[in-house]
Protein backbone atom coordinates (compact mmCIF):
# COMPACT_ATOMS: atom_id res chain seq x y z
CA ALA A 1 102.02 -102.58 154.99
CA GLY A 2 102.95 -99.79 157.87
CA CYS A 3 100.72 -96.94 158.76
CA ARG A 4 100.08 -94.00 156.45
CA ASN A 5 99.09 -91.69 158.86
CA LEU A 6 101.95 -92.04 160.50
CA ILE A 7 103.70 -88.93 161.40
CA SER A 8 107.10 -88.39 162.75
CA VAL A 9 107.03 -85.49 165.06
CA ARG A 10 111.27 -83.90 164.96
CA ILE A 11 112.34 -82.26 168.21
CA ALA A 12 112.78 -78.68 168.69
CA SER A 13 117.00 -78.53 168.55
CA SER A 14 116.81 -76.32 171.78
CA LEU A 15 114.73 -78.76 173.90
CA GLN A 16 117.30 -81.32 172.48
CA SER A 17 120.08 -79.17 173.57
CA ALA A 18 118.53 -78.28 176.76
CA SER A 19 118.10 -82.11 177.69
CA THR A 20 121.34 -83.24 176.81
CA ARG A 21 122.76 -80.48 178.66
CA CYS A 22 120.51 -80.70 182.18
CA VAL A 23 121.47 -84.89 182.69
CA GLU A 24 125.08 -84.02 181.88
CA LYS A 25 125.25 -81.43 183.97
CA LEU A 26 123.04 -83.46 186.72
CA LYS A 27 125.88 -86.75 186.28
CA LEU A 28 128.79 -84.18 186.64
CA GLU A 29 127.05 -82.73 189.76
CA ARG A 30 125.88 -85.83 191.36
CA ARG A 31 122.79 -84.66 191.75
CA SER A 32 120.78 -87.42 190.55
CA THR A 33 121.33 -90.78 189.70
CA ILE A 34 122.98 -91.64 186.38
CA ASN A 35 124.06 -94.77 184.93
CA GLY A 36 123.30 -96.65 187.97
CA LYS A 37 121.89 -100.40 188.17
CA ASP A 38 118.29 -99.74 187.39
CA PRO A 39 117.83 -99.28 183.22
CA ARG A 40 115.94 -95.96 183.94
CA SER A 41 118.79 -94.51 185.52
CA HIS A 42 121.03 -94.79 182.15
CA GLN A 43 121.98 -91.47 180.82
CA PHE A 44 119.58 -91.72 177.20
CA PHE A 45 117.00 -92.59 178.57
CA LYS A 46 116.90 -89.83 181.25
CA ARG A 47 117.49 -87.00 178.02
CA ILE A 48 115.38 -89.30 175.71
CA SER A 49 112.39 -89.08 178.12
CA LEU A 50 112.82 -85.02 178.50
CA HIS A 51 111.19 -85.31 174.84
CA LYS A 52 108.55 -85.70 175.34
CA TRP A 53 108.13 -82.02 176.20
CA GLN A 54 108.07 -81.41 172.77
CA LEU A 55 104.03 -82.55 172.83
CA LEU A 56 103.59 -79.03 174.46
CA GLY A 57 104.89 -77.50 171.07
CA MET A 58 102.37 -78.68 169.13
CA THR A 59 99.89 -76.02 168.72
CA ALA A 60 98.82 -77.39 165.57
CA TYR A 61 97.01 -80.04 167.57
CA ASP A 62 93.71 -78.79 169.80
CA VAL A 63 94.67 -82.53 172.20
CA LEU A 64 96.81 -84.89 172.24
CA LEU A 65 96.50 -88.02 174.45
CA PHE A 66 100.08 -89.56 174.37
CA ALA A 67 101.04 -92.91 174.98
CA ASP A 68 104.01 -95.36 176.03
CA ALA A 69 105.24 -98.16 173.15
CA ASP A 70 104.16 -100.60 175.52
CA VAL A 71 100.69 -99.31 176.34
CA GLU A 72 97.16 -100.61 174.52
CA LEU A 73 95.13 -97.86 174.18
CA VAL A 74 92.26 -99.67 172.86
CA PRO A 75 92.18 -103.49 174.68
CA SER A 76 90.39 -105.01 171.80
CA ALA A 77 89.95 -108.57 173.56
CA GLU A 78 88.28 -106.54 176.55
CA HIS A 79 86.43 -104.08 174.88
CA ASP A 80 84.76 -103.20 171.44
CA PRO A 81 86.81 -100.97 169.82
CA ALA A 82 84.65 -98.57 168.60
CA TRP A 83 83.01 -97.85 172.76
CA VAL A 84 86.58 -96.84 173.05
CA GLY A 85 87.11 -94.80 170.91
CA ARG A 86 83.54 -92.78 172.53
CA ALA A 87 85.17 -93.36 175.47
CA TRP A 88 88.56 -91.61 174.51
CA THR A 89 86.70 -89.13 172.38
CA HIS A 90 84.29 -87.99 175.62
CA ALA A 91 87.44 -87.78 177.18
CA ILE A 92 89.21 -85.51 175.12
CA ASN A 93 86.06 -82.74 174.65
CA ILE A 94 85.78 -83.03 177.97
CA LEU A 95 89.38 -80.99 178.77
CA LEU A 96 88.77 -79.11 175.66
CA ALA A 97 86.09 -77.38 177.54
CA SER A 98 88.03 -76.85 180.82
CA ASN A 99 89.48 -73.40 180.73
CA ASN A 100 91.77 -73.99 183.27
CA THR A 101 93.45 -77.56 183.01
CA THR A 102 95.96 -77.88 180.31
CA VAL A 103 97.07 -82.18 181.74
CA VAL A 104 94.98 -85.33 182.89
CA ALA A 105 96.80 -87.57 183.91
CA ASP A 106 96.89 -90.33 186.32
CA PRO A 107 99.39 -90.55 189.19
CA ASP A 108 101.55 -94.48 189.72
CA PRO A 109 101.91 -96.03 192.60
CA GLY A 110 105.22 -94.81 192.95
CA SER A 111 104.89 -90.95 190.98
CA PRO A 112 102.33 -87.93 191.50
CA PHE A 113 102.47 -87.85 187.83
CA ASN A 114 102.45 -91.12 185.55
CA ALA A 115 104.52 -90.08 181.75
CA GLY A 116 103.07 -93.01 179.64
CA LEU A 117 99.91 -91.84 179.34
CA PHE A 118 98.04 -88.72 179.27
CA MET A 119 96.34 -86.29 177.65
CA LEU A 120 97.19 -82.50 177.25
CA LYS A 121 96.56 -79.32 175.08
CA PRO A 122 99.97 -78.09 173.93
CA SER A 123 100.81 -74.63 175.03
CA ALA A 124 103.67 -72.34 173.27
CA GLU A 125 104.16 -70.13 176.45
CA LEU A 126 104.20 -73.56 178.30
CA PHE A 127 106.35 -75.11 175.97
CA LEU A 128 109.40 -72.53 176.38
CA ASP A 129 109.41 -71.84 179.91
CA GLY A 130 110.04 -75.67 179.71
CA ILE A 131 112.78 -75.38 177.87
CA ALA A 132 114.07 -72.58 180.13
CA THR A 133 113.74 -74.44 183.40
CA LEU A 134 115.54 -77.36 182.04
CA GLU A 135 118.09 -74.70 180.96
CA ARG A 136 118.43 -73.99 184.53
CA CYS A 137 118.62 -77.45 185.51
CA GLU A 138 118.04 -76.68 188.91
CA TYR A 139 116.64 -80.59 190.38
CA THR A 140 118.31 -81.50 193.41
CA ARG A 141 116.86 -84.59 195.33
CA ALA A 142 115.65 -82.22 198.11
CA HIS A 143 114.13 -79.48 196.53
CA GLY A 144 113.13 -80.90 192.74
CA TRP A 145 113.43 -78.74 189.56
CA ALA A 146 112.08 -75.21 191.21
CA GLY A 147 115.73 -75.75 192.92
CA ALA A 148 115.96 -73.74 196.08
CA SER A 149 112.86 -72.68 196.12
CA GLY A 150 110.19 -76.26 196.50
CA GLY A 151 110.55 -79.45 196.17
CA SER A 152 107.51 -81.25 194.78
CA ALA A 153 105.27 -78.64 196.83
CA ALA A 154 107.37 -76.51 194.81
CA ALA A 155 104.89 -73.14 195.15
CA GLY A 156 105.91 -73.29 199.38
CA GLY A 157 109.25 -72.88 199.19
CA GLY A 158 111.30 -75.21 202.11
CA GLY A 159 114.81 -74.70 202.50
CA GLY A 160 117.27 -76.95 204.14
CA GLY A 161 118.35 -80.41 202.56
CA GLY A 162 114.91 -82.18 204.51
CA GLY A 163 116.37 -85.25 203.08
CA GLY A 164 114.42 -84.61 199.97
CA ARG A 165 111.16 -83.66 201.76
CA ALA A 166 109.36 -80.41 202.04
CA ALA A 167 106.22 -79.20 202.67
CA ALA A 168 103.20 -80.42 201.71
CA LEU A 169 100.42 -79.11 199.70
CA SER A 170 97.22 -79.17 198.29
CA ALA A 171 96.86 -81.92 196.31
CA PRO A 172 95.76 -82.34 192.08
CA ALA A 173 92.07 -81.89 191.76
CA ARG A 174 90.00 -84.34 189.82
CA LEU A 175 89.24 -82.71 186.33
CA ASN A 176 85.53 -81.80 187.62
CA GLY A 177 87.02 -80.52 190.96
CA ALA A 178 86.72 -83.69 193.31
CA ALA A 179 89.63 -84.29 195.87
CA GLY A 180 92.34 -86.33 193.47
CA ALA A 181 93.86 -89.43 194.06
CA VAL A 182 96.70 -88.13 195.99
CA GLU A 183 96.54 -87.62 199.65
CA PRO A 184 98.20 -83.83 200.60
CA ARG A 185 101.22 -86.05 202.90
CA ASP A 186 101.61 -88.73 200.68
CA ARG A 187 105.45 -88.84 199.87
CA ARG A 188 104.71 -88.81 196.61
CA LEU A 189 103.48 -85.37 197.08
CA THR A 190 106.26 -83.94 199.10
CA ALA A 191 109.34 -85.96 198.67
CA TRP A 192 111.67 -86.10 195.54
CA THR A 193 112.37 -89.31 195.41
CA PHE A 194 109.60 -90.36 193.27
CA VAL A 195 109.65 -92.49 190.42
CA GLY A 196 110.84 -90.25 187.50
CA ALA A 197 111.37 -87.29 189.06
CA ASP A 198 114.47 -85.73 187.35
CA GLN A 199 112.87 -86.34 184.32
CA ASP A 200 109.68 -86.92 181.99
CA GLN A 201 107.54 -87.80 184.99
CA GLY A 202 108.76 -84.57 187.66
CA LEU A 203 109.87 -81.96 184.61
CA PHE A 204 105.91 -82.02 183.53
CA PHE A 205 104.76 -82.75 187.46
CA TYR A 206 106.39 -79.49 188.24
CA MET A 207 106.42 -77.74 185.50
CA LEU A 208 101.83 -78.42 184.98
CA TYR A 209 100.88 -79.42 188.48
CA ARG A 210 102.69 -76.94 190.45
CA ARG A 211 104.80 -73.94 188.71
CA HIS A 212 101.56 -73.26 186.34
CA ARG A 213 98.52 -75.47 187.83
CA VAL A 214 97.23 -76.48 184.91
CA GLY A 215 97.25 -79.91 185.32
CA ALA A 216 93.89 -82.30 186.82
CA TYR A 217 93.87 -86.41 187.52
CA GLY A 218 91.80 -87.99 185.76
CA ALA A 219 87.90 -89.17 187.24
CA ALA A 220 87.29 -91.44 189.54
CA GLN A 221 84.74 -93.58 188.03
CA ARG A 222 85.18 -94.43 184.98
CA GLY A 223 82.58 -96.68 184.35
CA ALA A 224 83.74 -100.39 182.71
CA LEU A 225 87.04 -99.09 182.40
CA PRO A 226 90.25 -100.53 181.56
CA LEU A 227 90.35 -97.84 178.26
CA SER A 228 94.42 -99.39 177.95
CA ARG A 229 96.33 -101.88 179.68
CA HIS A 230 100.07 -101.00 180.38
CA TRP A 231 102.21 -104.69 179.78
CA TRP A 232 105.91 -103.69 180.44
CA ALA A 233 104.88 -103.29 184.06
């Protein structure tokens, strides 16, 4: 039968070419592990994961809820689908009402940003800036996407190889302004050795949580959640 409301998202040619060239550059200059034993290190996987940045360019929508294919957004065995729908609608409305937040996500055990499930408000300006960042392709294990200007704590500068370490900055807060889910000196915030640092998770975290500071974490108390299940992990 298929899904009648399915819309195919076209990836901008500028994003495709910038992603391809950047991953090839990282491989050529050995600034990242490409095509290693971990399937996530495959060159194709890294390039395709960066295509998620297209979501920022989908300005025909007020807000988008993104989930990887292995994430179930309505776990019907645990919740009434109607209740889940109302809960997601409530979360979306909170994001829409925020004047200084563009993306809401959670960290995961290996990264300060889980690119498998998040909500965001598209922005043409941020979309173009992200493509420009990919075109510069300044990623290093020591300093992340900011190049020599700093790592996961990108806005804080910090030179030297440092083994991927960087001076700690304030940790991202929750959408309601409360303290975030990660302590300021957590290694996920002070080193560019976290999972996906050189692909989607690193790009989103650098651009939205460090460079532009428009990112937040979700609420700490979520009642009868979860509203989703990640089946692959």
